[in-house]
Amino acid sequence: MVRTKLILAMTAVIISFGATGLWFLISQRQVAHERHEKFFGSTKEYPTSGGEKMKIEWYANDL
């Protein structure tokens, strides 16, 4: 009886440590992803008004 309780208690401890470790791992990845997006991310607005129009140039040497 004592052996069964000990096995169940150890199993619960192992599962709880594993779940806690997994939770820390996932939360750290999420924080790192947010920092990456903030640093490397760009504004999602690309202003296209004003500026020069694109002009295609053909050169005789390229033919």
PDB file of N, CA and C in Angstrom:
ATOM      1  N   MET A   1       0.828  -1.188   0.000  1.00  0.00           N
ATOM      2  CA  MET A   1       0.000   0.000   0.000  1.00  0.00           C
ATOM      3  C   MET A   1       0.876   1.257   0.000  1.00  0.00           C
ATOM      4  N   VAL A   2       1.920   1.236   0.833  1.00  0.00           N
ATOM      5  CA  VAL A   2       2.803   2.389   0.921  1.00  0.00           C
ATOM      6  C   VAL A   2       3.576   2.557  -0.390  1.00  0.00           C
ATOM      7  N   ARG A   3       3.940   1.422  -0.988  1.00  0.00           N
ATOM      8  CA  ARG A   3       4.687   1.467  -2.234  1.00  0.00           C
ATOM      9  C   ARG A   3       3.839   2.087  -3.342  1.00  0.00           C
ATOM     10  N   THR A   4       2.567   1.760  -3.421  1.00  0.00           N
ATOM     11  CA  THR A   4       1.669   2.311  -4.435  1.00  0.00           C
ATOM     12  C   THR A   4       1.513   3.817  -4.248  1.00  0.00           C
ATOM     13  N   LYS A   5       1.359   4.255  -3.012  1.00  0.00           N
ATOM     14  CA  LYS A   5       1.230   5.691  -2.745  1.00  0.00           C
ATOM     15  C   LYS A   5       2.521   6.425  -3.112  1.00  0.00           C
ATOM     16  N   LEU A   6       3.655   5.815  -2.835  1.00  0.00           N
ATOM     17  CA  LEU A   6       4.935   6.427  -3.172  1.00  0.00           C
ATOM     18  C   LEU A   6       5.099   6.556  -4.688  1.00  0.00           C
ATOM     19  N   ILE A   7       4.721   5.522  -5.402  1.00  0.00           N
ATOM     20  CA  ILE A   7       4.799   5.565  -6.872  1.00  0.00           C
ATOM     21  C   ILE A   7       3.866   6.633  -7.419  1.00  0.00           C
ATOM     22  N   LEU A   8       2.654   6.725  -6.903  1.00  0.00           N
ATOM     23  CA  LEU A   8       1.707   7.741  -7.366  1.00  0.00           C
ATOM     24  C   LEU A   8       2.201   9.155  -7.036  1.00  0.00           C
ATOM     25  N   ALA A   9       2.773   9.326  -5.844  1.00  0.00           N
ATOM     26  CA  ALA A   9       3.291  10.636  -5.458  1.00  0.00           C
ATOM     27  C   ALA A   9       4.472  11.035  -6.342  1.00  0.00           C
ATOM     28  N   MET A  10       5.382  10.115  -6.620  1.00  0.00           N
ATOM     29  CA  MET A  10       6.522  10.408  -7.479  1.00  0.00           C
ATOM     30  C   MET A  10       6.077  10.702  -8.916  1.00  0.00           C
ATOM     31  N   THR A  11       5.084   9.983  -9.388  1.00  0.00           N
ATOM     32  CA  THR A  11       4.539  10.237 -10.730  1.00  0.00           C
ATOM     33  C   THR A  11       3.933  11.633 -10.806  1.00  0.00           C
ATOM     34  N   ALA A  12       3.195  12.022  -9.770  1.00  0.00           N
ATOM     35  CA  ALA A  12       2.594  13.360  -9.742  1.00  0.00           C
ATOM     36  C   ALA A  12       3.673  14.440  -9.708  1.00  0.00           C
ATOM     37  N   VAL A  13       4.750  14.204  -8.958  1.00  0.00           N
ATOM     38  CA  VAL A  13       5.843  15.177  -8.885  1.00  0.00           C
ATOM     39  C   VAL A  13       6.527  15.310 -10.235  1.00  0.00           C
ATOM     40  N   ILE A  14       6.788  14.203 -10.887  1.00  0.00           N
ATOM     41  CA  ILE A  14       7.453  14.229 -12.201  1.00  0.00           C
ATOM     42  C   ILE A  14       6.586  14.938 -13.228  1.00  0.00           C
ATOM     43  N   ILE A  15       5.308  14.650 -13.231  1.00  0.00           N
ATOM     44  CA  ILE A  15       4.399  15.300 -14.181  1.00  0.00           C
ATOM     45  C   ILE A  15       4.310  16.800 -13.910  1.00  0.00           C
ATOM     46  N   SER A  16       4.253  17.178 -12.635  1.00  0.00           N
ATOM     47  CA  SER A  16       4.161  18.612 -12.324  1.00  0.00           C
ATOM     48  C   SER A  16       5.440  19.344 -12.706  1.00  0.00           C
ATOM     49  N   PHE A  17       6.609  18.750 -12.477  1.00  0.00           N
ATOM     50  CA  PHE A  17       7.865  19.379 -12.887  1.00  0.00           C
ATOM     51  C   PHE A  17       7.946  19.492 -14.407  1.00  0.00           C
ATOM     52  N   GLY A  18       7.509  18.451 -15.091  1.00  0.00           N
ATOM     53  CA  GLY A  18       7.513  18.480 -16.561  1.00  0.00           C
ATOM     54  C   GLY A  18       6.585  19.548 -17.107  1.00  0.00           C
ATOM     55  N   ALA A  19       5.406  19.667 -16.525  1.00  0.00           N
ATOM     56  CA  ALA A  19       4.450  20.677 -16.980  1.00  0.00           C
ATOM     57  C   ALA A  19       4.975  22.084 -16.695  1.00  0.00           C
ATOM     58  N   THR A  20       5.600  22.273 -15.546  1.00  0.00           N
ATOM     59  CA  THR A  20       6.159  23.586 -15.213  1.00  0.00           C
ATOM     60  C   THR A  20       7.298  23.950 -16.164  1.00  0.00           C
ATOM     61  N   GLY A  21       8.157  23.010 -16.447  1.00  0.00           N
ATOM     62  CA  GLY A  21       9.251  23.252 -17.391  1.00  0.00           C
ATOM     63  C   GLY A  21       8.743  23.572 -18.782  1.00  0.00           C
ATOM     64  N   LEU A  22       7.741  22.855 -19.226  1.00  0.00           N
ATOM     65  CA  LEU A  22       7.139  23.115 -20.539  1.00  0.00           C
ATOM     66  C   LEU A  22       6.499  24.490 -20.576  1.00  0.00           C
ATOM     67  N   TRP A  23       5.838  24.878 -19.499  1.00  0.00           N
ATOM     68  CA  TRP A  23       5.206  26.201 -19.434  1.00  0.00           C
ATOM     69  C   TRP A  23       6.257  27.307 -19.521  1.00  0.00           C
ATOM     70  N   PHE A  24       7.378  27.163 -18.805  1.00  0.00           N
ATOM     71  CA  PHE A  24       8.451  28.152 -18.886  1.00  0.00           C
ATOM     72  C   PHE A  24       9.037  28.220 -20.288  1.00  0.00           C
ATOM     73  N   LEU A  25       9.220  27.080 -20.924  1.00  0.00           N
ATOM     74  CA  LEU A  25       9.780  27.041 -22.268  1.00  0.00           C
ATOM     75  C   LEU A  25       8.870  27.764 -23.259  1.00  0.00           C
ATOM     76  N   ILE A  26       7.582  27.502 -23.193  1.00  0.00           N
ATOM     77  CA  ILE A  26       6.632  28.135 -24.107  1.00  0.00           C
ATOM     78  C   ILE A  26       6.555  29.631 -23.860  1.00  0.00           C
ATOM     79  N   SER A  27       6.543  30.047 -22.600  1.00  0.00           N
ATOM     80  CA  SER A  27       6.453  31.479 -22.313  1.00  0.00           C
ATOM     81  C   SER A  27       7.709  32.219 -22.763  1.00  0.00           C
ATOM     82  N   GLN A  28       8.878  31.611 -22.643  1.00  0.00           N
ATOM     83  CA  GLN A  28      10.112  32.255 -23.092  1.00  0.00           C
ATOM     84  C   GLN A  28      10.145  32.383 -24.605  1.00  0.00           C
ATOM     85  N   ARG A  29       9.649  31.385 -25.310  1.00  0.00           N
ATOM     86  CA  ARG A  29       9.598  31.469 -26.772  1.00  0.00           C
ATOM     87  C   ARG A  29       8.653  32.574 -27.216  1.00  0.00           C
ATOM     88  N   GLN A  30       7.548  32.719 -26.522  1.00  0.00           N
ATOM     89  CA  GLN A  30       6.583  33.755 -26.877  1.00  0.00           C
ATOM     90  C   GLN A  30       7.181  35.143 -26.654  1.00  0.00           C
ATOM     91  N   VAL A  31       7.878  35.334 -25.539  1.00  0.00           N
ATOM     92  CA  VAL A  31       8.515  36.621 -25.252  1.00  0.00           C
ATOM     93  C   VAL A  31       9.592  36.910 -26.293  1.00  0.00           C
ATOM     94  N   ALA A  32      10.379  35.903 -26.641  1.00  0.00           N
ATOM     95  CA  ALA A  32      11.427  36.097 -27.644  1.00  0.00           C
ATOM     96  C   ALA A  32      10.813  36.447 -28.997  1.00  0.00           C
ATOM     97  N   HIS A  33       9.713  35.811 -29.343  1.00  0.00           N
ATOM     98  CA  HIS A  33       9.043  36.108 -30.609  1.00  0.00           C
ATOM     99  C   HIS A  33       8.515  37.546 -30.628  1.00  0.00           C
ATOM    100  N   GLU A  34       7.965  38.008 -29.517  1.00  0.00           N
ATOM    101  CA  GLU A  34       7.462  39.383 -29.445  1.00  0.00           C
ATOM    102  C   GLU A  34       8.613  40.383 -29.570  1.00  0.00           C
ATOM    103  N   ARG A  35       9.755  40.100 -28.918  1.00  0.00           N
ATOM    104  CA  ARG A  35      10.918  40.980 -29.043  1.00  0.00           C
ATOM    105  C   ARG A  35      11.434  41.004 -30.481  1.00  0.00           C
ATOM    106  N   HIS A  36      11.427  39.844 -31.133  1.00  0.00           N
ATOM    107  CA  HIS A  36      11.877  39.753 -32.525  1.00  0.00           C
ATOM    108  C   HIS A  36      10.972  40.577 -33.430  1.00  0.00           C
ATOM    109  N   GLU A  37       9.674  40.456 -33.254  1.00  0.00           N
ATOM    110  CA  GLU A  37       8.735  41.219 -34.073  1.00  0.00           C
ATOM    111  C   GLU A  37       8.883  42.722 -33.842  1.00  0.00           C
ATOM    112  N   LYS A  38       9.118  43.108 -32.608  1.00  0.00           N
ATOM    113  CA  LYS A  38       9.251  44.525 -32.295  1.00  0.00           C
ATOM    114  C   LYS A  38      10.535  45.093 -32.901  1.00  0.00           C
ATOM    115  N   PHE A  39      11.617  44.325 -32.873  1.00  0.00           N
ATOM    116  CA  PHE A  39      12.898  44.816 -33.367  1.00  0.00           C
ATOM    117  C   PHE A  39      12.972  44.786 -34.897  1.00  0.00           C
ATOM    118  N   PHE A  40      12.602  43.645 -35.502  1.00  0.00           N
ATOM    119  CA  PHE A  40      12.741  43.489 -36.938  1.00  0.00           C
ATOM    120  C   PHE A  40      11.481  43.855 -37.710  1.00  0.00           C
ATOM    121  N   GLY A  41      10.375  44.008 -37.024  1.00  0.00           N
ATOM    122  CA  GLY A  41       9.115  44.298 -37.700  1.00  0.00           C
ATOM    123  C   GLY A  41       9.144  45.662 -38.366  1.00  0.00           C
ATOM    124  N   SER A  42       8.297  45.812 -39.324  1.00  0.00           N
ATOM    125  CA  SER A  42       8.203  47.091 -40.006  1.00  0.00           C
ATOM    126  C   SER A  42       6.784  47.620 -39.840  1.00  0.00           C
ATOM    127  N   THR A  43       6.644  48.878 -40.131  1.00  0.00           N
ATOM    128  CA  THR A  43       5.290  49.415 -40.110  1.00  0.00           C
ATOM    129  C   THR A  43       4.545  48.798 -41.279  1.00  0.00           C
ATOM    130  N   LYS A  44       3.313  48.524 -41.089  1.00  0.00           N
ATOM    131  CA  LYS A  44       2.534  47.862 -42.130  1.00  0.00           C
ATOM    132  C   LYS A  44       1.979  48.871 -43.141  1.00  0.00           C
ATOM    133  N   GLU A  45       2.361  50.129 -42.999  1.00  0.00           N
ATOM    134  CA  GLU A  45       1.906  51.153 -43.917  1.00  0.00           C
ATOM    135  C   GLU A  45       3.045  51.511 -44.861  1.00  0.00           C
ATOM    136  N   TYR A  46       2.790  51.427 -46.128  1.00  0.00           N
ATOM    137  CA  TYR A  46       3.780  51.779 -47.123  1.00  0.00           C
ATOM    138  C   TYR A  46       3.242  52.957 -47.933  1.00  0.00           C
ATOM    139  N   PRO A  47       3.647  54.182 -47.601  1.00  0.00           N
ATOM    140  CA  PRO A  47       3.120  55.341 -48.310  1.00  0.00           C
ATOM    141  C   PRO A  47       3.600  55.340 -49.764  1.00  0.00           C
ATOM    142  N   THR A  48       2.683  55.545 -50.679  1.00  0.00           N
ATOM    143  CA  THR A  48       3.019  55.526 -52.098  1.00  0.00           C
ATOM    144  C   THR A  48       2.740  56.855 -52.781  1.00  0.00           C
ATOM    145  N   SER A  49       2.293  57.860 -52.050  1.00  0.00           N
ATOM    146  CA  SER A  49       2.022  59.142 -52.676  1.00  0.00           C
ATOM    147  C   SER A  49       3.277  59.996 -52.682  1.00  0.00           C
ATOM    148  N   GLY A  50       3.386  60.894 -53.656  1.00  0.00           N
ATOM    149  CA  GLY A  50       4.568  61.738 -53.782  1.00  0.00           C
ATOM    150  C   GLY A  50       5.737  60.931 -54.305  1.00  0.00           C
ATOM    151  N   GLY A  51       6.774  61.482 -54.714  1.00  0.00           N
ATOM    152  CA  GLY A  51       7.915  60.729 -55.203  1.00  0.00           C
ATOM    153  C   GLY A  51       7.887  60.601 -56.715  1.00  0.00           C
ATOM    154  N   GLU A  52       8.928  60.002 -57.254  1.00  0.00           N
ATOM    155  CA  GLU A  52       9.063  59.906 -58.707  1.00  0.00           C
ATOM    156  C   GLU A  52       8.347  58.689 -59.241  1.00  0.00           C
ATOM    157  N   LYS A  53       7.893  58.815 -60.486  1.00  0.00           N
ATOM    158  CA  LYS A  53       7.295  57.668 -61.159  1.00  0.00           C
ATOM    159  C   LYS A  53       8.423  56.799 -61.693  1.00  0.00           C
ATOM    160  N   MET A  54       8.167  55.528 -61.770  1.00  0.00           N
ATOM    161  CA  MET A  54       9.191  54.619 -62.278  1.00  0.00           C
ATOM    162  C   MET A  54       9.285  54.752 -63.787  1.00  0.00           C
ATOM    163  N   LYS A  55      10.485  54.732 -64.285  1.00  0.00           N
ATOM    164  CA  LYS A  55      10.719  54.880 -65.714  1.00  0.00           C
ATOM    165  C   LYS A  55      11.566  53.698 -66.164  1.00  0.00           C
ATOM    166  N   ILE A  56      11.117  53.012 -67.177  1.00  0.00           N
ATOM    167  CA  ILE A  56      11.868  51.885 -67.707  1.00  0.00           C
ATOM    168  C   ILE A  56      12.893  52.436 -68.691  1.00  0.00           C
ATOM    169  N   GLU A  57      14.132  52.026 -68.524  1.00  0.00           N
ATOM    170  CA  GLU A  57      15.185  52.481 -69.416  1.00  0.00           C
ATOM    171  C   GLU A  57      15.717  51.289 -70.192  1.00  0.00           C
ATOM    172  N   TRP A  58      15.808  51.434 -71.519  1.00  0.00           N
ATOM    173  CA  TRP A  58      16.332  50.413 -72.375  1.00  0.00           C
ATOM    174  C   TRP A  58      17.683  50.876 -72.894  1.00  0.00           C
ATOM    175  N   TYR A  59      18.631  50.029 -72.797  1.00  0.00           N
ATOM    176  CA  TYR A  59      19.964  50.348 -73.281  1.00  0.00           C
ATOM    177  C   TYR A  59      20.288  49.461 -74.476  1.00  0.00           C
ATOM    178  N   ALA A  60      20.972  49.996 -75.429  1.00  0.00           N
ATOM    179  CA  ALA A  60      21.321  49.237 -76.631  1.00  0.00           C
ATOM    180  C   ALA A  60      22.326  48.128 -76.308  1.00  0.00           C
ATOM    181  N   ASN A  61      23.131  48.319 -75.280  1.00  0.00           N
ATOM    182  CA  ASN A  61      24.146  47.310 -74.937  1.00  0.00           C
ATOM    183  C   ASN A  61      23.529  46.072 -74.299  1.00  0.00           C
ATOM    184  N   ASP A  62      22.335  46.189 -73.734  1.00  0.00           N
ATOM    185  CA  ASP A  62      21.701  45.050 -73.067  1.00  0.00           C
ATOM    186  C   ASP A  62      21.062  44.094 -74.054  1.00  0.00           C
ATOM    187  N   LEU A  63      20.844  44.517 -75.256  1.00  0.00           N
ATOM    188  CA  LEU A  63      20.176  43.662 -76.243  1.00  0.00           C
ATOM    189  C   LEU A  63      21.169  42.734 -76.792  1.00  0.00           C
TER     190      LEU A  63
END
